[in-house]
Every structure is written in C-alpha cells, then in structure tokens.
N, C-alpha and C. Protein backbone atom coordinates (compact mmCIF):
# COMPACT_ATOMS: atom_id res chain seq x y z
N MET A 1 -21.43 119.79 143.77
CA MET A 1 -20.71 120.29 144.91
C MET A 1 -19.24 120.44 144.55
N LYS A 2 -18.67 121.58 144.85
CA LYS A 2 -17.25 121.81 144.58
C LYS A 2 -16.50 121.74 145.90
N LEU A 3 -15.49 120.88 145.94
CA LEU A 3 -14.68 120.70 147.13
C LEU A 3 -13.35 121.41 146.90
N ASN A 4 -12.98 122.30 147.80
CA ASN A 4 -11.74 123.05 147.65
C ASN A 4 -10.81 122.69 148.80
N LEU A 5 -9.76 121.95 148.49
CA LEU A 5 -8.77 121.56 149.48
C LEU A 5 -7.43 122.16 149.09
N ASN A 6 -6.64 122.52 150.07
CA ASN A 6 -5.33 123.10 149.79
C ASN A 6 -4.29 122.41 150.67
N PHE A 7 -3.44 121.63 150.06
CA PHE A 7 -2.35 121.01 150.80
C PHE A 7 -1.23 120.65 149.84
N THR A 8 -0.05 120.46 150.37
CA THR A 8 1.12 120.15 149.57
C THR A 8 1.30 118.64 149.49
N ILE A 9 1.48 118.15 148.25
CA ILE A 9 1.62 116.70 148.09
C ILE A 9 2.80 116.30 147.23
N GLY A 10 3.54 117.23 146.70
CA GLY A 10 4.57 116.89 145.72
C GLY A 10 5.81 116.25 146.28
N HIS A 11 6.08 116.45 147.57
CA HIS A 11 7.27 115.89 148.21
C HIS A 11 8.56 116.38 147.58
N GLY A 12 8.55 117.58 147.05
CA GLY A 12 9.74 118.18 146.48
C GLY A 12 9.68 119.68 146.66
N LYS A 13 10.76 120.35 146.29
CA LYS A 13 10.81 121.80 146.45
C LYS A 13 9.96 122.53 145.42
N SER A 14 9.66 121.87 144.30
CA SER A 14 8.88 122.52 143.25
C SER A 14 8.11 121.47 142.47
N ALA A 15 7.12 121.93 141.72
CA ALA A 15 6.33 121.01 140.90
C ALA A 15 7.19 120.28 139.87
N PRO A 16 8.10 120.97 139.16
CA PRO A 16 8.93 120.24 138.20
C PRO A 16 9.78 119.13 138.84
N GLU A 17 10.18 119.30 140.10
CA GLU A 17 10.95 118.27 140.79
C GLU A 17 10.08 117.14 141.31
N SER A 18 8.75 117.31 141.26
CA SER A 18 7.83 116.37 141.87
C SER A 18 6.84 115.77 140.87
N LEU A 19 7.18 115.78 139.60
CA LEU A 19 6.22 115.37 138.57
C LEU A 19 5.70 113.94 138.75
N GLU A 20 6.57 113.03 139.14
CA GLU A 20 6.13 111.64 139.28
C GLU A 20 5.07 111.51 140.38
N THR A 21 5.32 112.11 141.52
CA THR A 21 4.34 112.06 142.62
C THR A 21 3.07 112.80 142.26
N LEU A 22 3.21 113.98 141.70
CA LEU A 22 2.03 114.77 141.32
C LEU A 22 1.18 114.06 140.28
N SER A 23 1.83 113.40 139.34
CA SER A 23 1.12 112.67 138.30
C SER A 23 0.31 111.51 138.89
N LEU A 24 0.91 110.79 139.82
CA LEU A 24 0.21 109.69 140.49
C LEU A 24 -0.99 110.21 141.28
N VAL A 25 -0.79 111.26 142.05
CA VAL A 25 -1.87 111.83 142.85
C VAL A 25 -2.99 112.36 141.95
N ALA A 26 -2.62 113.00 140.84
CA ALA A 26 -3.63 113.52 139.91
C ALA A 26 -4.47 112.39 139.34
N SER A 27 -3.86 111.26 139.04
CA SER A 27 -4.60 110.10 138.53
C SER A 27 -5.61 109.61 139.55
N LEU A 28 -5.18 109.51 140.80
CA LEU A 28 -6.09 109.07 141.86
C LEU A 28 -7.20 110.10 142.11
N ALA A 29 -6.84 111.37 142.08
CA ALA A 29 -7.80 112.43 142.38
C ALA A 29 -8.93 112.48 141.36
N LEU A 30 -8.63 112.20 140.09
CA LEU A 30 -9.66 112.22 139.06
C LEU A 30 -10.67 111.10 139.23
N SER A 31 -10.28 110.02 139.89
CA SER A 31 -11.20 108.90 140.08
C SER A 31 -12.12 109.08 141.28
N MET A 32 -11.88 110.11 142.07
CA MET A 32 -12.69 110.35 143.26
C MET A 32 -14.02 111.01 142.88
N GLN A 33 -14.99 110.89 143.75
CA GLN A 33 -16.29 111.53 143.54
C GLN A 33 -16.59 112.48 144.67
N PRO A 34 -16.70 113.77 144.44
CA PRO A 34 -16.42 114.43 143.16
C PRO A 34 -14.92 114.43 142.89
N PRO A 35 -14.53 114.54 141.61
CA PRO A 35 -13.10 114.56 141.27
C PRO A 35 -12.40 115.74 141.94
N ILE A 36 -11.16 115.55 142.30
CA ILE A 36 -10.36 116.61 142.91
C ILE A 36 -9.34 117.06 141.86
N THR A 37 -9.20 118.36 141.72
CA THR A 37 -8.20 118.91 140.80
C THR A 37 -6.88 119.08 141.53
N VAL A 38 -5.82 118.58 140.94
CA VAL A 38 -4.48 118.79 141.47
C VAL A 38 -3.91 120.00 140.75
N LEU A 39 -3.57 121.00 141.52
CA LEU A 39 -3.07 122.26 140.97
C LEU A 39 -1.57 122.34 141.18
N PRO A 40 -0.78 122.05 140.14
CA PRO A 40 0.68 122.14 140.30
C PRO A 40 1.10 123.59 140.58
N GLY A 41 2.04 123.76 141.48
CA GLY A 41 2.52 125.10 141.80
C GLY A 41 3.95 125.03 142.31
N SER A 42 4.60 126.14 142.34
CA SER A 42 5.97 126.32 142.79
C SER A 42 6.94 125.88 141.70
N GLY A 43 7.74 126.80 141.25
CA GLY A 43 8.74 126.49 140.24
C GLY A 43 8.20 126.47 138.83
N ILE A 44 6.98 126.93 138.63
CA ILE A 44 6.39 126.92 137.29
C ILE A 44 6.68 128.26 136.63
N ASN A 45 7.29 128.18 135.45
CA ASN A 45 7.65 129.38 134.71
C ASN A 45 7.78 129.03 133.23
N ILE A 46 8.28 129.96 132.44
CA ILE A 46 8.43 129.76 131.00
C ILE A 46 9.30 128.55 130.69
N ASP A 47 10.30 128.30 131.50
CA ASP A 47 11.24 127.20 131.25
C ASP A 47 10.71 125.83 131.68
N THR A 48 9.73 125.79 132.59
CA THR A 48 9.27 124.50 133.14
C THR A 48 7.85 124.10 132.73
N ILE A 49 7.08 125.01 132.16
CA ILE A 49 5.67 124.72 131.90
C ILE A 49 5.49 123.59 130.89
N ARG A 50 6.38 123.47 129.93
CA ARG A 50 6.24 122.40 128.93
C ARG A 50 6.29 121.02 129.59
N ALA A 51 7.23 120.82 130.50
CA ALA A 51 7.33 119.53 131.19
C ALA A 51 6.08 119.26 132.03
N ILE A 52 5.56 120.30 132.67
CA ILE A 52 4.33 120.14 133.46
C ILE A 52 3.18 119.74 132.54
N ALA A 53 3.01 120.46 131.44
CA ALA A 53 1.92 120.16 130.51
C ALA A 53 2.05 118.76 129.94
N CYS A 54 3.26 118.34 129.59
CA CYS A 54 3.47 116.98 129.06
C CYS A 54 3.12 115.92 130.09
N SER A 55 3.40 116.18 131.34
CA SER A 55 3.14 115.22 132.40
C SER A 55 1.65 115.11 132.73
N TYR A 56 0.93 116.20 132.55
CA TYR A 56 -0.47 116.24 132.98
C TYR A 56 -1.50 116.18 131.87
N TRP A 57 -1.11 116.22 130.62
CA TRP A 57 -2.07 116.41 129.55
C TRP A 57 -3.21 115.39 129.57
N TRP A 58 -2.93 114.19 129.96
CA TRP A 58 -3.96 113.15 129.96
C TRP A 58 -4.79 113.14 131.23
N LYS A 59 -4.49 114.02 132.16
CA LYS A 59 -5.21 114.07 133.43
C LYS A 59 -6.09 115.32 133.51
N GLU A 60 -6.61 115.75 132.38
CA GLU A 60 -7.46 116.94 132.32
C GLU A 60 -6.73 118.17 132.85
N PHE A 61 -5.52 118.35 132.37
CA PHE A 61 -4.70 119.51 132.73
C PHE A 61 -5.48 120.78 132.40
N ARG A 62 -5.72 121.61 133.40
CA ARG A 62 -6.50 122.83 133.20
C ARG A 62 -5.84 124.08 133.78
N GLU A 63 -5.03 123.92 134.83
CA GLU A 63 -4.52 125.11 135.50
C GLU A 63 -3.24 124.80 136.27
N VAL A 64 -2.47 125.85 136.49
CA VAL A 64 -1.27 125.79 137.32
C VAL A 64 -1.25 127.06 138.17
N HIS A 65 -0.42 127.04 139.18
CA HIS A 65 -0.24 128.24 140.02
C HIS A 65 1.17 128.75 139.80
N LEU A 66 1.29 130.03 139.49
CA LEU A 66 2.60 130.66 139.39
C LEU A 66 2.48 132.12 139.77
N SER A 67 3.54 132.67 140.28
CA SER A 67 3.50 134.08 140.67
C SER A 67 3.90 134.98 139.51
N ALA A 68 4.81 134.55 138.67
CA ALA A 68 5.21 135.27 137.46
C ALA A 68 5.51 136.74 137.71
N GLY A 69 6.19 136.99 138.79
CA GLY A 69 6.44 138.39 139.10
C GLY A 69 7.79 138.64 139.72
N HIS A 70 7.91 139.81 140.29
CA HIS A 70 9.15 140.21 140.91
C HIS A 70 8.87 141.37 141.87
N TRP A 71 9.84 141.65 142.73
CA TRP A 71 9.72 142.75 143.68
C TRP A 71 10.11 144.05 142.99
N VAL A 72 9.32 145.09 143.21
CA VAL A 72 9.65 146.43 142.73
C VAL A 72 9.60 147.39 143.91
N GLU A 73 10.36 148.45 143.81
CA GLU A 73 10.39 149.45 144.87
C GLU A 73 8.99 150.05 145.05
N GLY A 74 8.51 150.07 146.29
CA GLY A 74 7.21 150.64 146.57
C GLY A 74 7.22 152.16 146.49
N THR A 75 6.04 152.74 146.48
CA THR A 75 5.94 154.20 146.36
C THR A 75 5.66 154.88 147.70
N MET A 76 5.64 154.11 148.78
CA MET A 76 5.39 154.71 150.09
C MET A 76 6.47 155.74 150.40
N GLN A 77 6.06 156.95 150.74
CA GLN A 77 7.03 158.02 150.98
C GLN A 77 7.48 158.07 152.44
N PHE A 78 6.58 157.84 153.37
CA PHE A 78 6.95 157.89 154.79
C PHE A 78 7.41 156.51 155.21
N ARG A 79 8.68 156.39 155.55
CA ARG A 79 9.26 155.11 155.95
C ARG A 79 9.96 155.30 157.28
N LYS A 80 9.22 155.08 158.33
CA LYS A 80 9.75 155.29 159.67
C LYS A 80 10.86 154.29 159.98
N GLU A 81 11.96 154.78 160.47
CA GLU A 81 13.09 153.95 160.86
C GLU A 81 12.65 152.89 161.88
N GLY A 82 13.04 151.63 161.64
CA GLY A 82 12.72 150.56 162.56
C GLY A 82 11.31 150.01 162.42
N MET A 83 10.54 150.53 161.51
CA MET A 83 9.17 150.06 161.31
C MET A 83 9.02 149.73 159.83
N GLY A 84 8.53 148.54 159.54
CA GLY A 84 8.43 148.16 158.14
C GLY A 84 7.22 147.29 157.86
N MET A 85 7.31 146.59 156.77
CA MET A 85 6.20 145.79 156.29
C MET A 85 6.36 144.30 156.62
N GLY A 86 7.43 143.93 157.30
CA GLY A 86 7.61 142.55 157.75
C GLY A 86 8.30 141.62 156.78
N PHE A 87 8.91 142.13 155.73
CA PHE A 87 9.55 141.27 154.74
C PHE A 87 11.05 141.15 154.93
N GLY A 88 11.63 141.92 155.79
CA GLY A 88 13.07 141.92 155.96
C GLY A 88 13.70 143.08 155.21
N GLU A 89 14.91 143.37 155.53
CA GLU A 89 15.56 144.58 155.02
C GLU A 89 15.64 144.67 153.50
N ALA A 90 15.96 143.58 152.82
CA ALA A 90 16.17 143.65 151.37
C ALA A 90 14.93 144.10 150.60
N SER A 91 13.76 143.67 151.04
CA SER A 91 12.54 144.03 150.32
C SER A 91 11.52 144.71 151.23
N GLU A 92 12.00 145.34 152.28
CA GLU A 92 11.10 145.89 153.29
C GLU A 92 10.05 146.83 152.72
N TRP A 93 10.39 147.64 151.78
CA TRP A 93 9.43 148.61 151.24
C TRP A 93 9.08 148.32 149.79
N CYS A 94 9.27 147.09 149.38
CA CYS A 94 8.96 146.70 148.01
C CYS A 94 7.55 146.13 147.90
N VAL A 95 7.08 146.02 146.68
CA VAL A 95 5.75 145.50 146.37
C VAL A 95 5.92 144.42 145.30
N TRP A 96 5.19 143.31 145.44
CA TRP A 96 5.27 142.24 144.46
C TRP A 96 4.37 142.59 143.28
N ARG A 97 4.90 142.50 142.06
CA ARG A 97 4.14 142.78 140.84
C ARG A 97 4.16 141.55 139.94
N THR A 98 2.99 141.10 139.54
CA THR A 98 2.88 140.01 138.59
C THR A 98 3.06 140.58 137.19
N ASN A 99 3.82 139.88 136.36
CA ASN A 99 4.10 140.32 135.00
C ASN A 99 3.12 139.62 134.05
N ALA A 100 2.19 140.38 133.49
CA ALA A 100 1.16 139.83 132.60
C ALA A 100 1.76 139.18 131.37
N GLU A 101 2.88 139.69 130.88
CA GLU A 101 3.52 139.11 129.70
C GLU A 101 4.03 137.69 129.99
N ILE A 102 4.57 137.50 131.18
CA ILE A 102 5.05 136.17 131.56
C ILE A 102 3.87 135.21 131.69
N VAL A 103 2.79 135.65 132.33
CA VAL A 103 1.60 134.80 132.47
C VAL A 103 1.08 134.40 131.08
N SER A 104 1.00 135.36 130.16
CA SER A 104 0.53 135.07 128.80
C SER A 104 1.44 134.09 128.08
N GLU A 105 2.75 134.24 128.25
CA GLU A 105 3.69 133.34 127.59
C GLU A 105 3.62 131.93 128.17
N VAL A 106 3.49 131.80 129.47
CA VAL A 106 3.33 130.48 130.08
C VAL A 106 2.06 129.82 129.57
N ARG A 107 0.99 130.59 129.48
CA ARG A 107 -0.28 130.03 128.97
C ARG A 107 -0.12 129.60 127.51
N ARG A 108 0.54 130.42 126.69
CA ARG A 108 0.73 130.09 125.28
C ARG A 108 1.52 128.79 125.13
N ILE A 109 2.60 128.67 125.90
CA ILE A 109 3.43 127.46 125.82
C ILE A 109 2.62 126.24 126.25
N ALA A 110 1.85 126.36 127.32
CA ALA A 110 1.03 125.24 127.78
C ALA A 110 0.00 124.85 126.72
N GLU A 111 -0.69 125.82 126.16
CA GLU A 111 -1.70 125.53 125.14
C GLU A 111 -1.07 124.92 123.89
N ASP A 112 0.07 125.47 123.45
CA ASP A 112 0.75 124.91 122.28
C ASP A 112 1.18 123.47 122.54
N THR A 113 1.69 123.20 123.73
CA THR A 113 2.13 121.86 124.09
C THR A 113 0.95 120.89 124.07
N LEU A 114 -0.15 121.29 124.65
CA LEU A 114 -1.33 120.43 124.68
C LEU A 114 -1.88 120.20 123.27
N ASN A 115 -1.89 121.24 122.45
CA ASN A 115 -2.37 121.09 121.08
C ASN A 115 -1.49 120.14 120.28
N GLU A 116 -0.20 120.16 120.52
CA GLU A 116 0.73 119.24 119.85
C GLU A 116 0.46 117.80 120.25
N MET A 117 0.00 117.60 121.48
CA MET A 117 -0.19 116.25 122.01
C MET A 117 -1.53 115.63 121.59
N TYR A 118 -2.50 116.46 121.26
CA TYR A 118 -3.83 115.92 120.89
C TYR A 118 -3.93 115.67 119.43
C-alpha cells in the first residue's frame, strides 16, 4: 500500500533553511509502517542540492521537488484590458517554463554527491 500525504513540516522558508527539522522527520518517517518518504522542496537549486543530498544520504534520499524554471512571455495574442490570468500585472500573460538543463544539473550534482559519500 502506498500512502501519499502532502504537508509542510520544515518550519522554515525553504528546505535548505530547515535541514535539521527535515532530517529528524525523515528519520522518524522511515521507521513507520509503511515508511513515509519526506520530499524536500522549496529553495532547491544548483547551489543548494549538495547540502540537501549530504543531509539526507543516509535516509534513502531518492527525490526532491524543484521548479527549476522561470516566467516567459506567453504567446496569447488576444489580451482583453482588465481581464487576465490571475497572476498580477508583472506576469499576467506569462507562462512558467521548467528548464530541463537545470533539472539535469541538479540531478547530476545530487548523484555525484551521493556517489562520493558511499
């Protein structure tokens, strides 16, 4: 049976700022039946993934959540005045794009870090 729960437990603005709490919760979660996976998210990028991997390597580190993207101008041609997509003026007609190169680099750094530790 796979149990899928989604809630915030880090007690910080991002996973890198919450490593101590996340590490403790991950330890407890692995001892549960069935084990619960703690998925670190928020603030994970090329600059922070190494610290995340180092903190989690012994807790069956398998995955993280990151957006790895940015806003780009959308291609919608008809843009009625006063009507938008609900994001606010700065990005009203923009679209979020995930950058595959960033995702690949984060994965490479995480894998290299874990390989160095084993």
